[in-house]
C-alpha cells in the first residue's frame, strides 16, 4: 500500500498539465484586458470616423450631418 501512495505522489509531482492551464488562463485574461483598453481608448475616434463616413455618404459638406428628413 505504501508503494501505491509513493507512486501516486511521484506521478502527481511530474504532472504539469494544471500549471500549463493556469498559465494559459493568465495569458488569455491579459490579452482581454489589452483589448478592452484599446477599444476604450479608440472608441471616440471610431465613432467620429463612422460619423464622418456617414456625413460623406449622405452628402453633407459641413461636417455636421443634418437630421434625416421627415417622411
C-alpha atoms as a PDB file:
ATOM      1  CA  UNK A   1       0.000   0.000   0.000  1.00  0.00           C
ATOM      2  CA  UNK A   2       2.864   2.317   0.745  1.00  0.00           C
ATOM      3  CA  UNK A   3       4.300   1.861  -2.745  1.00  0.00           C
ATOM      4  CA  UNK A   4       0.904   2.792  -4.243  1.00  0.00           C
ATOM      5  CA  UNK A   5       0.893   6.147  -2.448  1.00  0.00           C
ATOM      6  CA  UNK A   6       4.553   6.669  -3.257  1.00  0.00           C
ATOM      7  CA  UNK A   7       3.919   6.050  -6.965  1.00  0.00           C
ATOM      8  CA  UNK A   8       0.846   8.288  -6.890  1.00  0.00           C
ATOM      9  CA  UNK A   9       2.784  11.128  -5.260  1.00  0.00           C
ATOM     10  CA  UNK A  10       5.576  10.785  -7.822  1.00  0.00           C
ATOM     11  CA  UNK A  11       3.127  10.929 -10.726  1.00  0.00           C
ATOM     12  CA  UNK A  12       1.371  13.981  -9.303  1.00  0.00           C
ATOM     13  CA  UNK A  13       4.655  15.842  -8.917  1.00  0.00           C
ATOM     14  CA  UNK A  14       5.549  15.161 -12.553  1.00  0.00           C
ATOM     15  CA  UNK A  15       2.142  16.170 -13.937  1.00  0.00           C
ATOM     16  CA  UNK A  16       2.399  19.758 -15.248  1.00  0.00           C
ATOM     17  CA  UNK A  17      -0.925  19.997 -17.082  1.00  0.00           C
ATOM     18  CA  UNK A  18      -2.598  22.020 -14.338  1.00  0.00           C
ATOM     19  CA  UNK A  19       0.203  24.579 -14.297  1.00  0.00           C
ATOM     20  CA  UNK A  20       0.007  24.954 -18.075  1.00  0.00           C
ATOM     21  CA  UNK A  21      -3.744  25.546 -17.922  1.00  0.00           C
ATOM     22  CA  UNK A  22      -3.240  28.269 -15.318  1.00  0.00           C
ATOM     23  CA  UNK A  23      -0.579  29.936 -17.464  1.00  0.00           C
ATOM     24  CA  UNK A  24      -2.876  29.928 -20.499  1.00  0.00           C
ATOM     25  CA  UNK A  25      -5.671  31.372 -18.373  1.00  0.00           C
ATOM     26  CA  UNK A  26      -3.445  34.218 -17.239  1.00  0.00           C
ATOM     27  CA  UNK A  27      -2.359  34.933 -20.826  1.00  0.00           C
ATOM     28  CA  UNK A  28      -5.971  34.983 -22.044  1.00  0.00           C
ATOM     29  CA  UNK A  29      -7.017  37.359 -19.277  1.00  0.00           C
ATOM     30  CA  UNK A  30      -4.115  39.719 -20.033  1.00  0.00           C
ATOM     31  CA  UNK A  31      -4.994  39.716 -23.738  1.00  0.00           C
ATOM     32  CA  UNK A  32      -8.619  40.518 -22.847  1.00  0.00           C
ATOM     33  CA  UNK A  33      -7.503  43.449 -20.674  1.00  0.00           C
ATOM     34  CA  UNK A  34      -5.355  44.828 -23.516  1.00  0.00           C
ATOM     35  CA  UNK A  35      -8.276  44.543 -25.953  1.00  0.00           C
ATOM     36  CA  UNK A  36     -10.631  46.323 -23.539  1.00  0.00           C
ATOM     37  CA  UNK A  37      -8.132  49.150 -23.024  1.00  0.00           C
ATOM     38  CA  UNK A  38      -7.570  49.520 -26.780  1.00  0.00           C
ATOM     39  CA  UNK A  39     -11.284  49.604 -27.577  1.00  0.00           C
ATOM     40  CA  UNK A  40     -11.902  52.131 -24.804  1.00  0.00           C
ATOM     41  CA  UNK A  41      -9.049  54.352 -25.983  1.00  0.00           C
ATOM     42  CA  UNK A  42     -10.056  54.186 -29.651  1.00  0.00           C
ATOM     43  CA  UNK A  43     -13.821  54.288 -29.075  1.00  0.00           C
ATOM     44  CA  UNK A  44     -14.324  58.027 -29.598  1.00  0.00           C
ATOM     45  CA  UNK A  45     -12.038  58.046 -32.609  1.00  0.00           C
ATOM     46  CA  UNK A  46     -14.014  55.224 -34.206  1.00  0.00           C
ATOM     47  CA  UNK A  47     -17.324  56.956 -33.526  1.00  0.00           C
ATOM     48  CA  UNK A  48     -16.046  60.151 -35.132  1.00  0.00           C
ATOM     49  CA  UNK A  49     -14.719  58.235 -38.128  1.00  0.00           C
ATOM     50  CA  UNK A  50     -18.042  56.479 -38.700  1.00  0.00           C
ATOM     51  CA  UNK A  51     -19.912  59.787 -38.343  1.00  0.00           C
ATOM     52  CA  UNK A  52     -17.612  61.373 -40.934  1.00  0.00           C
ATOM     53  CA  UNK A  53     -18.230  58.481 -43.309  1.00  0.00           C
ATOM     54  CA  UNK A  54     -21.972  58.799 -42.759  1.00  0.00           C
ATOM     55  CA  UNK A  55     -21.860  62.539 -43.486  1.00  0.00           C
ATOM     56  CA  UNK A  56     -19.768  61.954 -46.600  1.00  0.00           C
ATOM     57  CA  UNK A  57     -22.171  59.330 -47.911  1.00  0.00           C
ATOM     58  CA  UNK A  58     -25.219  61.494 -47.191  1.00  0.00           C
ATOM     59  CA  UNK A  59     -23.593  64.463 -48.996  1.00  0.00           C
ATOM     60  CA  UNK A  60     -23.123  66.827 -46.087  1.00  0.00           C
ATOM     61  CA  UNK A  61     -20.125  69.109 -46.629  1.00  0.00           C
ATOM     62  CA  UNK A  62     -20.334  70.994 -43.317  1.00  0.00           C
ATOM     63  CA  UNK A  63     -19.086  68.083 -41.241  1.00  0.00           C
ATOM     64  CA  UNK A  64     -22.287  68.119 -39.239  1.00  0.00           C
ATOM     65  CA  UNK A  65     -24.924  65.809 -40.601  1.00  0.00           C
ATOM     66  CA  UNK A  66     -28.419  67.126 -40.829  1.00  0.00           C
ATOM     67  CA  UNK A  67     -31.078  65.009 -39.148  1.00  0.00           C
ATOM     68  CA  UNK A  68     -32.968  62.756 -41.515  1.00  0.00           C
ATOM     69  CA  UNK A  69     -35.857  64.402 -43.353  1.00  0.00           C
ATOM     70  CA  UNK A  70     -39.332  63.736 -42.018  1.00  0.00           C
ATOM     71  CA  UNK A  71     -41.427  61.479 -44.284  1.00  0.00           C
END
